[in-house]
Amino acid sequence: MSETVQHVEQMVDENPRTDVTETFEEWRELLTGLKAEIAERFELTRDPSTVDLESYGTPGGASGSLAAYSGPEIDWLVHSWIGDPRTGFVNLHLTAWLGPATRVPHLGSAMLLWPEGWFYVDAIARGDLVGDGDYFDRFYAPNEQPWLDFKADHPDFTWFTSRTAFIRSSLSPTAFCYSFPATRPNLDTVAEVLTGRVQQWLRWVAAGEQVPAAQRPELAARDLAIRRNIAERDPANVMGERMFGRELTERLVRALWGGDRELPRPGL
C-alpha cells in the first residue's frame, strides 16, 4: 500500500477541475443520516452563534454550511461542509465532542473531494493511551485487527500522512485516514466504515462510566484545548482563506471549536 504525503492545496492544485456534485450530495446525505442517529441518542440544541452560518458564500459557487450543537451530554457537535463541488473541492465534517461526565472518546470524522476522495474517522482519546493501558484495551484494542485488515484488504486506499507533525500526533493508532479513487465500490466502503464507527461509538456511550464530579473540570479543559488546537492548526484552513478570505475563515475556525459559543458547556 502506498502513501500520500501532500498538503491539501497541493492535491487540489495538481488535479484537473471536475464537477463532484453527485458524490458531494451523496456524502452530505450520509453525514446528515449519521447526525440524525446521534440526535436520537442525545438532546441537542443549536448554538445561536452558528445560526447565520447555516448558509454562507455564493450559491452555485464557493459556499458552505456550519451548524454547531450542545446539550447535557454533548459539549460541541459540528455538522458542516465547505467548498465548491462544481470545481472538484468540498470538505465535510461530523464531529461530536462529549461532555466531561464520561471518558468515552470523542467522535471525529471528515470527508474530502479534491476531486479524488479522502476520509478520516477516529476515536479522539480522552487520556494517555500509553500510560493508561485499561483505557487503550477498552476503546482501541478492539479496533486493532479491523484496522490491520482494512490496510490489507483495500489496495485502492492510500494512507494519508499529514505534512504537519501536530496533525499526525492527533491521530489514534486505529484512525482511518486515506485517500482513494472515488469509484462506486470505494464510496460504499467509506460509507460502511463511517457508519460502523458511529454505531460503535454510540454503543460505547451507552456503556460509558461516569467521571467523578471533582475530575470533570480538568477533563473539560483538556477537551477544549485539544479541540481548539486541532481546529486552529489544521493546514487545510488555507483553502477557506482562498475561498472566503481571512476574516470569515477565522470565524469558521472559531465555530469548529466553540470560540463564539453562547450555550453553556455541560457538566461544569
C-alpha atoms as a PDB file:
ATOM      1  CA  MET A   1       0.000   0.000   0.000  1.00  0.00           C
ATOM      2  CA  SER A   2       1.397   3.404  -0.967  1.00  0.00           C
ATOM      3  CA  GLU A   3       1.319   6.655   0.995  1.00  0.00           C
ATOM      4  CA  THR A   4       0.160  10.206   0.271  1.00  0.00           C
ATOM      5  CA  VAL A   5       2.337  12.966   1.723  1.00  0.00           C
ATOM      6  CA  GLN A   6       0.935  16.242   0.372  1.00  0.00           C
ATOM      7  CA  HIS A   7      -0.749  19.375   1.605  1.00  0.00           C
ATOM      8  CA  VAL A   8      -4.448  19.575   0.717  1.00  0.00           C
ATOM      9  CA  GLU A   9      -3.852  22.600  -1.503  1.00  0.00           C
ATOM     10  CA  GLN A  10      -1.238  20.604  -3.442  1.00  0.00           C
ATOM     11  CA  MET A  11      -3.726  17.818  -4.080  1.00  0.00           C
ATOM     12  CA  VAL A  12      -6.307  20.356  -5.263  1.00  0.00           C
ATOM     13  CA  ASP A  13      -3.915  22.379  -7.445  1.00  0.00           C
ATOM     14  CA  GLU A  14      -2.307  19.360  -9.113  1.00  0.00           C
ATOM     15  CA  ASN A  15      -5.561  17.785 -10.295  1.00  0.00           C
ATOM     16  CA  PRO A  16      -7.966  18.884 -13.047  1.00  0.00           C
ATOM     17  CA  ARG A  17     -11.175  20.621 -12.034  1.00  0.00           C
ATOM     18  CA  THR A  18     -14.058  18.163 -12.089  1.00  0.00           C
ATOM     19  CA  ASP A  19     -17.684  18.530 -11.049  1.00  0.00           C
ATOM     20  CA  VAL A  20     -18.189  16.308  -7.982  1.00  0.00           C
ATOM     21  CA  THR A  21     -21.701  17.478  -7.128  1.00  0.00           C
ATOM     22  CA  GLU A  22     -23.196  13.975  -7.313  1.00  0.00           C
ATOM     23  CA  THR A  23     -20.735  12.485  -4.830  1.00  0.00           C
ATOM     24  CA  PHE A  24     -20.956  15.565  -2.621  1.00  0.00           C
ATOM     25  CA  GLU A  25     -24.726  15.210  -2.366  1.00  0.00           C
ATOM     26  CA  GLU A  26     -24.347  11.501  -1.563  1.00  0.00           C
ATOM     27  CA  TRP A  27     -21.882  12.263   1.208  1.00  0.00           C
ATOM     28  CA  ARG A  28     -23.948  15.099   2.580  1.00  0.00           C
ATOM     29  CA  GLU A  29     -26.923  12.721   2.806  1.00  0.00           C
ATOM     30  CA  LEU A  30     -24.734  10.126   4.542  1.00  0.00           C
ATOM     31  CA  LEU A  31     -23.490  12.545   7.202  1.00  0.00           C
ATOM     32  CA  THR A  32     -26.968  14.001   7.682  1.00  0.00           C
ATOM     33  CA  GLY A  33     -28.247  10.494   8.358  1.00  0.00           C
ATOM     34  CA  LEU A  34     -25.446   9.747  10.832  1.00  0.00           C
ATOM     35  CA  LYS A  35     -26.055  13.059  12.579  1.00  0.00           C
ATOM     36  CA  ALA A  36     -29.736  12.084  12.875  1.00  0.00           C
ATOM     37  CA  GLU A  37     -28.694   8.803  14.557  1.00  0.00           C
ATOM     38  CA  ILE A  38     -26.655  10.781  17.072  1.00  0.00           C
ATOM     39  CA  ALA A  39     -29.544  13.209  17.623  1.00  0.00           C
ATOM     40  CA  GLU A  40     -31.804  10.267  18.509  1.00  0.00           C
ATOM     41  CA  ARG A  41     -29.465   9.453  21.415  1.00  0.00           C
ATOM     42  CA  PHE A  42     -28.632  12.956  22.649  1.00  0.00           C
ATOM     43  CA  GLU A  43     -30.560  16.102  23.453  1.00  0.00           C
ATOM     44  CA  LEU A  44     -29.072  18.728  21.121  1.00  0.00           C
ATOM     45  CA  THR A  45     -29.641  22.494  20.870  1.00  0.00           C
ATOM     46  CA  ARG A  46     -28.277  24.601  18.017  1.00  0.00           C
ATOM     47  CA  ASP A  47     -25.835  27.162  19.360  1.00  0.00           C
ATOM     48  CA  PRO A  48     -27.052  30.647  18.369  1.00  0.00           C
ATOM     49  CA  SER A  49     -23.532  31.648  17.335  1.00  0.00           C
ATOM     50  CA  THR A  50     -23.791  29.414  14.249  1.00  0.00           C
ATOM     51  CA  VAL A  51     -27.352  30.134  13.118  1.00  0.00           C
ATOM     52  CA  ASP A  52     -26.252  32.634  10.477  1.00  0.00           C
ATOM     53  CA  LEU A  53     -23.665  30.131   9.203  1.00  0.00           C
ATOM     54  CA  GLU A  54     -26.431  27.805   8.012  1.00  0.00           C
ATOM     55  CA  SER A  55     -25.603  29.068   4.530  1.00  0.00           C
ATOM     56  CA  TYR A  56     -22.716  31.310   3.527  1.00  0.00           C
ATOM     57  CA  GLY A  57     -20.806  32.159   0.368  1.00  0.00           C
ATOM     58  CA  THR A  58     -22.165  32.324  -3.179  1.00  0.00           C
ATOM     59  CA  PRO A  59     -24.988  29.981  -4.275  1.00  0.00           C
ATOM     60  CA  GLY A  60     -23.701  27.860  -7.125  1.00  0.00           C
ATOM     61  CA  GLY A  61     -20.101  28.776  -6.244  1.00  0.00           C
ATOM     62  CA  ALA A  62     -17.823  28.679  -3.232  1.00  0.00           C
ATOM     63  CA  SER A  63     -20.167  28.237  -0.283  1.00  0.00           C
ATOM     64  CA  GLY A  64     -20.797  26.221   2.832  1.00  0.00           C
ATOM     65  CA  SER A  65     -22.831  25.472   5.923  1.00  0.00           C
ATOM     66  CA  LEU A  66     -21.855  25.071   9.562  1.00  0.00           C
ATOM     67  CA  ALA A  67     -24.122  24.067  12.435  1.00  0.00           C
ATOM     68  CA  ALA A  68     -22.885  23.505  15.978  1.00  0.00           C
ATOM     69  CA  TYR A  69     -24.899  21.973  18.800  1.00  0.00           C
ATOM     70  CA  SER A  70     -24.576  21.420  22.519  1.00  0.00           C
ATOM     71  CA  GLY A  71     -26.590  19.584  25.160  1.00  0.00           C
ATOM     72  CA  PRO A  72     -26.499  17.962  28.597  1.00  0.00           C
ATOM     73  CA  GLU A  73     -24.097  15.238  27.383  1.00  0.00           C
ATOM     74  CA  ILE A  74     -22.592  16.873  24.292  1.00  0.00           C
ATOM     75  CA  ASP A  75     -20.103  19.680  24.674  1.00  0.00           C
ATOM     76  CA  TRP A  76     -19.857  20.555  20.983  1.00  0.00           C
ATOM     77  CA  LEU A  77     -21.141  18.784  17.869  1.00  0.00           C
ATOM     78  CA  VAL A  78     -20.252  20.166  14.439  1.00  0.00           C
ATOM     79  CA  HIS A  79     -22.050  19.253  11.210  1.00  0.00           C
ATOM     80  CA  SER A  80     -20.608  21.223   8.308  1.00  0.00           C
ATOM     81  CA  TRP A  81     -19.372  21.425   4.742  1.00  0.00           C
ATOM     82  CA  ILE A  82     -17.315  23.919   2.766  1.00  0.00           C
ATOM     83  CA  GLY A  83     -16.211  24.142  -0.863  1.00  0.00           C
ATOM     84  CA  ASP A  84     -17.356  24.364  -4.469  1.00  0.00           C
ATOM     85  CA  PRO A  85     -18.473  20.956  -5.758  1.00  0.00           C
ATOM     86  CA  ARG A  86     -18.555  22.201  -9.359  1.00  0.00           C
ATOM     87  CA  THR A  87     -14.774  22.675  -9.297  1.00  0.00           C
ATOM     88  CA  GLY A  88     -13.949  19.435  -7.504  1.00  0.00           C
ATOM     89  CA  PHE A  89     -13.243  20.595  -3.958  1.00  0.00           C
ATOM     90  CA  VAL A  90     -15.504  20.065  -0.962  1.00  0.00           C
ATOM     91  CA  ASN A  91     -14.851  19.205   2.695  1.00  0.00           C
ATOM     92  CA  LEU A  92     -17.498  17.767   5.049  1.00  0.00           C
ATOM     93  CA  HIS A  93     -17.343  17.274   8.827  1.00  0.00           C
ATOM     94  CA  LEU A  94     -19.307  15.465  11.509  1.00  0.00           C
ATOM     95  CA  THR A  95     -17.572  15.620  14.866  1.00  0.00           C
ATOM     96  CA  ALA A  96     -19.051  15.074  18.329  1.00  0.00           C
ATOM     97  CA  TRP A  97     -17.237  16.153  21.498  1.00  0.00           C
ATOM     98  CA  LEU A  98     -18.699  14.655  24.642  1.00  0.00           C
ATOM     99  CA  GLY A  99     -19.134  16.457  27.935  1.00  0.00           C
ATOM    100  CA  PRO A 100     -16.892  15.626  30.912  1.00  0.00           C
ATOM    101  CA  ALA A 101     -19.343  13.254  32.602  1.00  0.00           C
ATOM    102  CA  THR A 102     -17.730  10.359  30.701  1.00  0.00           C
ATOM    103  CA  ARG A 103     -14.274   9.460  29.378  1.00  0.00           C
ATOM    104  CA  VAL A 104     -15.646   7.752  26.264  1.00  0.00           C
ATOM    105  CA  PRO A 105     -13.574   9.015  23.302  1.00  0.00           C
ATOM    106  CA  HIS A 106     -14.923  11.803  21.131  1.00  0.00           C
ATOM    107  CA  LEU A 107     -16.060  11.018  17.568  1.00  0.00           C
ATOM    108  CA  GLY A 108     -14.163  12.695  14.739  1.00  0.00           C
ATOM    109  CA  SER A 109     -14.944  12.323  11.033  1.00  0.00           C
ATOM    110  CA  ALA A 110     -14.278  14.248   7.831  1.00  0.00           C
ATOM    111  CA  MET A 111     -14.638  13.642   4.095  1.00  0.00           C
ATOM    112  CA  LEU A 112     -12.920  15.459   1.256  1.00  0.00           C
ATOM    113  CA  LEU A 113     -13.186  15.572  -2.525  1.00  0.00           C
ATOM    114  CA  TRP A 114     -10.296  17.137  -4.459  1.00  0.00           C
ATOM    115  CA  PRO A 115     -11.726  15.619  -6.860  1.00  0.00           C
ATOM    116  CA  GLU A 116     -10.409  12.229  -5.712  1.00  0.00           C
ATOM    117  CA  GLY A 117     -11.723  11.035  -2.361  1.00  0.00           C
ATOM    118  CA  TRP A 118     -10.305  11.265   1.152  1.00  0.00           C
ATOM    119  CA  PHE A 119     -11.799  10.320   4.503  1.00  0.00           C
ATOM    120  CA  TYR A 120     -10.926  10.336   8.180  1.00  0.00           C
ATOM    121  CA  VAL A 121     -12.669   8.798  11.172  1.00  0.00           C
ATOM    122  CA  ASP A 122     -11.249   8.347  14.644  1.00  0.00           C
ATOM    123  CA  ALA A 123     -11.971   7.943  18.323  1.00  0.00           C
ATOM    124  CA  ILE A 124     -10.332  11.024  19.858  1.00  0.00           C
ATOM    125  CA  ALA A 125      -8.774   9.899  23.131  1.00  0.00           C
ATOM    126  CA  ARG A 126      -9.661  11.469  26.488  1.00  0.00           C
ATOM    127  CA  GLY A 127      -6.441  10.370  28.169  1.00  0.00           C
ATOM    128  CA  ASP A 128      -2.972   8.831  27.826  1.00  0.00           C
ATOM    129  CA  LEU A 129      -3.150   5.683  25.691  1.00  0.00           C
ATOM    130  CA  VAL A 130       0.322   4.547  26.741  1.00  0.00           C
ATOM    131  CA  GLY A 131       0.036   5.399  30.420  1.00  0.00           C
ATOM    132  CA  ASP A 132      -3.497   4.040  30.836  1.00  0.00           C
ATOM    133  CA  GLY A 133      -3.459   0.504  29.473  1.00  0.00           C
ATOM    134  CA  ASP A 134      -7.025  -0.208  30.582  1.00  0.00           C
ATOM    135  CA  TYR A 135      -8.313   2.747  28.538  1.00  0.00           C
ATOM    136  CA  PHE A 136      -6.404   1.529  25.490  1.00  0.00           C
ATOM    137  CA  ASP A 137      -7.690  -2.024  25.921  1.00  0.00           C
ATOM    138  CA  ARG A 138     -11.282  -0.857  26.209  1.00  0.00           C
ATOM    139  CA  PHE A 139     -11.528   1.529  23.259  1.00  0.00           C
ATOM    140  CA  TYR A 140      -8.602   0.875  20.899  1.00  0.00           C
ATOM    141  CA  ALA A 141      -7.532  -2.759  21.138  1.00  0.00           C
ATOM    142  CA  PRO A 142     -10.884  -3.998  19.694  1.00  0.00           C
ATOM    143  CA  ASN A 143     -10.271  -1.950  16.528  1.00  0.00           C
ATOM    144  CA  GLU A 144      -6.702  -3.128  16.004  1.00  0.00           C
ATOM    145  CA  GLN A 145      -7.445  -6.175  13.849  1.00  0.00           C
ATOM    146  CA  PRO A 146     -10.136  -4.470  11.735  1.00  0.00           C
ATOM    147  CA  TRP A 147      -7.664  -1.617  11.145  1.00  0.00           C
ATOM    148  CA  LEU A 148      -4.966  -4.036  10.010  1.00  0.00           C
ATOM    149  CA  ASP A 149      -7.424  -5.981   7.868  1.00  0.00           C
ATOM    150  CA  PHE A 150      -8.553  -2.797   6.117  1.00  0.00           C
ATOM    151  CA  LYS A 151      -4.985  -1.925   5.126  1.00  0.00           C
ATOM    152  CA  ALA A 152      -4.504  -5.429   3.723  1.00  0.00           C
ATOM    153  CA  ASP A 153      -7.870  -5.813   2.006  1.00  0.00           C
ATOM    154  CA  HIS A 154      -8.320  -2.416   0.314  1.00  0.00           C
ATOM    155  CA  PRO A 155      -5.379  -1.698  -2.000  1.00  0.00           C
ATOM    156  CA  ASP A 156      -7.246   1.218  -3.620  1.00  0.00           C
ATOM    157  CA  PHE A 157      -6.939   3.178  -0.375  1.00  0.00           C
ATOM    158  CA  THR A 158      -3.713   5.115   0.146  1.00  0.00           C
ATOM    159  CA  TRP A 159      -2.677   6.056   3.679  1.00  0.00           C
ATOM    160  CA  PHE A 160      -2.609   9.850   4.064  1.00  0.00           C
ATOM    161  CA  THR A 161       0.301  11.222   6.090  1.00  0.00           C
ATOM    162  CA  SER A 162      -0.108  14.869   7.013  1.00  0.00           C
ATOM    163  CA  ARG A 163       2.969  17.009   6.425  1.00  0.00           C
ATOM    164  CA  THR A 164       2.156  18.700   9.752  1.00  0.00           C
ATOM    165  CA  ALA A 165       3.590  16.832  12.742  1.00  0.00           C
ATOM    166  CA  PHE A 166       0.967  18.245  15.103  1.00  0.00           C
ATOM    167  CA  ILE A 167      -1.853  16.794  12.997  1.00  0.00           C
ATOM    168  CA  ARG A 168      -0.076  13.435  12.789  1.00  0.00           C
ATOM    169  CA  SER A 169       0.164  13.393  16.577  1.00  0.00           C
ATOM    170  CA  SER A 170      -3.597  13.926  16.895  1.00  0.00           C
ATOM    171  CA  LEU A 171      -4.424  10.558  15.281  1.00  0.00           C
ATOM    172  CA  SER A 172      -5.032   7.495  17.393  1.00  0.00           C
ATOM    173  CA  PRO A 173      -3.363   4.210  16.370  1.00  0.00           C
ATOM    174  CA  THR A 174      -6.664   2.942  14.916  1.00  0.00           C
ATOM    175  CA  ALA A 175      -7.628   6.057  12.947  1.00  0.00           C
ATOM    176  CA  PHE A 176      -8.711   5.769   9.325  1.00  0.00           C
ATOM    177  CA  CYS A 177      -7.081   8.462   7.184  1.00  0.00           C
ATOM    178  CA  TYR A 178      -6.988   7.547   3.498  1.00  0.00           C
ATOM    179  CA  SER A 179      -7.188   8.969   0.002  1.00  0.00           C
ATOM    180  CA  PHE A 180      -8.783   6.864  -2.727  1.00  0.00           C
ATOM    181  CA  PRO A 181     -10.296   6.888  -6.239  1.00  0.00           C
ATOM    182  CA  ALA A 182     -13.956   7.877  -5.904  1.00  0.00           C
ATOM    183  CA  THR A 183     -15.330   4.705  -7.504  1.00  0.00           C
ATOM    184  CA  ARG A 184     -18.651   3.137  -6.525  1.00  0.00           C
ATOM    185  CA  PRO A 185     -17.090   0.261  -4.535  1.00  0.00           C
ATOM    186  CA  ASN A 186     -14.804   2.661  -2.669  1.00  0.00           C
ATOM    187  CA  LEU A 187     -17.627   5.059  -1.839  1.00  0.00           C
ATOM    188  CA  ASP A 188     -19.609   2.126  -0.473  1.00  0.00           C
ATOM    189  CA  THR A 189     -16.617   1.081   1.632  1.00  0.00           C
ATOM    190  CA  VAL A 190     -16.287   4.566   3.133  1.00  0.00           C
ATOM    191  CA  ALA A 191     -19.989   4.645   3.980  1.00  0.00           C
ATOM    192  CA  GLU A 192     -19.691   1.230   5.655  1.00  0.00           C
ATOM    193  CA  VAL A 193     -16.659   2.247   7.732  1.00  0.00           C
ATOM    194  CA  LEU A 194     -18.144   5.565   8.841  1.00  0.00           C
ATOM    195  CA  THR A 195     -21.483   4.026   9.745  1.00  0.00           C
ATOM    196  CA  GLY A 196     -19.805   1.235  11.676  1.00  0.00           C
ATOM    197  CA  ARG A 197     -17.616   3.623  13.642  1.00  0.00           C
ATOM    198  CA  VAL A 198     -20.550   5.884  14.569  1.00  0.00           C
ATOM    199  CA  GLN A 199     -22.597   2.917  15.735  1.00  0.00           C
ATOM    200  CA  GLN A 200     -19.641   1.579  17.742  1.00  0.00           C
ATOM    201  CA  TRP A 201     -19.227   4.999  19.359  1.00  0.00           C
ATOM    202  CA  LEU A 202     -22.908   5.078  20.318  1.00  0.00           C
ATOM    203  CA  ARG A 203     -22.511   1.668  21.974  1.00  0.00           C
ATOM    204  CA  TRP A 204     -19.542   2.993  23.936  1.00  0.00           C
ATOM    205  CA  VAL A 205     -21.617   5.939  25.085  1.00  0.00           C
ATOM    206  CA  ALA A 206     -24.420   3.644  26.217  1.00  0.00           C
ATOM    207  CA  ALA A 207     -21.968   1.674  28.385  1.00  0.00           C
ATOM    208  CA  GLY A 208     -19.865   4.651  29.463  1.00  0.00           C
ATOM    209  CA  GLU A 209     -18.886   5.037  33.111  1.00  0.00           C
ATOM    210  CA  GLN A 210     -19.404   8.306  34.975  1.00  0.00           C
ATOM    211  CA  VAL A 211     -16.459  10.567  35.799  1.00  0.00           C
ATOM    212  CA  PRO A 212     -16.368  11.807  39.412  1.00  0.00           C
ATOM    213  CA  ALA A 213     -17.585  15.411  39.614  1.00  0.00           C
ATOM    214  CA  ALA A 214     -14.293  16.671  41.028  1.00  0.00           C
ATOM    215  CA  GLN A 215     -12.403  15.437  37.945  1.00  0.00           C
ATOM    216  CA  ARG A 216     -14.719  16.932  35.344  1.00  0.00           C
ATOM    217  CA  PRO A 217     -13.312  20.498  35.144  1.00  0.00           C
ATOM    218  CA  GLU A 218      -9.829  19.192  34.331  1.00  0.00           C
ATOM    219  CA  LEU A 219     -11.196  16.821  31.665  1.00  0.00           C
ATOM    220  CA  ALA A 220     -13.326  19.597  30.137  1.00  0.00           C
ATOM    221  CA  ALA A 221     -10.317  21.928  29.969  1.00  0.00           C
ATOM    222  CA  ARG A 222      -8.248  19.240  28.246  1.00  0.00           C
ATOM    223  CA  ASP A 223     -11.042  18.568  25.736  1.00  0.00           C
ATOM    224  CA  LEU A 224     -11.346  22.239  24.839  1.00  0.00           C
ATOM    225  CA  ALA A 225      -7.592  22.690  24.422  1.00  0.00           C
ATOM    226  CA  ILE A 226      -7.412  19.695  22.063  1.00  0.00           C
ATOM    227  CA  ARG A 227     -10.430  20.813  20.062  1.00  0.00           C
ATOM    228  CA  ARG A 228      -9.110  24.355  19.687  1.00  0.00           C
ATOM    229  CA  ASN A 229      -5.597  23.277  18.755  1.00  0.00           C
ATOM    230  CA  ILE A 230      -6.811  20.851  16.089  1.00  0.00           C
ATOM    231  CA  ALA A 231      -9.120  23.468  14.560  1.00  0.00           C
ATOM    232  CA  GLU A 232      -6.607  26.304  14.585  1.00  0.00           C
ATOM    233  CA  ARG A 233      -3.610  24.250  13.423  1.00  0.00           C
ATOM    234  CA  ASP A 234      -5.393  22.434  10.582  1.00  0.00           C
ATOM    235  CA  PRO A 235      -3.293  23.112   7.465  1.00  0.00           C
ATOM    236  CA  ALA A 236      -6.445  22.811   5.332  1.00  0.00           C
ATOM    237  CA  ASN A 237      -7.613  26.167   6.716  1.00  0.00           C
ATOM    238  CA  VAL A 238      -5.696  27.736   3.836  1.00  0.00           C
ATOM    239  CA  MET A 239      -8.452  26.523   1.497  1.00  0.00           C
ATOM    240  CA  GLY A 240     -11.031  28.517   3.463  1.00  0.00           C
ATOM    241  CA  GLU A 241      -8.879  31.640   3.160  1.00  0.00           C
ATOM    242  CA  ARG A 242      -8.598  31.104  -0.590  1.00  0.00           C
ATOM    243  CA  MET A 243     -12.368  30.961  -0.997  1.00  0.00           C
ATOM    244  CA  PHE A 244     -13.661  33.343   1.684  1.00  0.00           C
ATOM    245  CA  GLY A 245     -10.775  35.437   2.986  1.00  0.00           C
ATOM    246  CA  ARG A 246      -9.145  35.567   6.387  1.00  0.00           C
ATOM    247  CA  GLU A 247     -11.969  37.164   8.407  1.00  0.00           C
ATOM    248  CA  LEU A 248     -14.702  34.641   7.578  1.00  0.00           C
ATOM    249  CA  THR A 249     -12.256  31.735   7.751  1.00  0.00           C
ATOM    250  CA  GLU A 250     -11.185  32.754  11.246  1.00  0.00           C
ATOM    251  CA  ARG A 251     -14.821  32.847  12.289  1.00  0.00           C
ATOM    252  CA  LEU A 252     -15.439  29.390  10.807  1.00  0.00           C
ATOM    253  CA  VAL A 253     -12.428  28.020  12.674  1.00  0.00           C
ATOM    254  CA  ARG A 254     -13.728  29.519  15.923  1.00  0.00           C
ATOM    255  CA  ALA A 255     -17.073  27.860  15.251  1.00  0.00           C
ATOM    256  CA  LEU A 256     -15.331  24.489  14.906  1.00  0.00           C
ATOM    257  CA  TRP A 257     -14.037  24.691  18.475  1.00  0.00           C
ATOM    258  CA  GLY A 258     -16.739  26.871  20.038  1.00  0.00           C
ATOM    259  CA  GLY A 259     -14.868  30.137  20.371  1.00  0.00           C
ATOM    260  CA  ASP A 260     -18.038  32.209  19.963  1.00  0.00           C
ATOM    261  CA  ARG A 261     -20.426  29.799  21.684  1.00  0.00           C
ATOM    262  CA  GLU A 262     -23.386  31.173  23.620  1.00  0.00           C
ATOM    263  CA  LEU A 263     -24.696  27.984  25.230  1.00  0.00           C
ATOM    264  CA  PRO A 264     -23.021  26.895  28.477  1.00  0.00           C
ATOM    265  CA  ARG A 265     -20.656  23.965  28.483  1.00  0.00           C
ATOM    266  CA  PRO A 266     -22.257  20.869  30.051  1.00  0.00           C
ATOM    267  CA  GLY A 267     -21.224  19.246  33.292  1.00  0.00           C
ATOM    268  CA  LEU A 268     -19.420  22.209  34.809  1.00  0.00           C
END
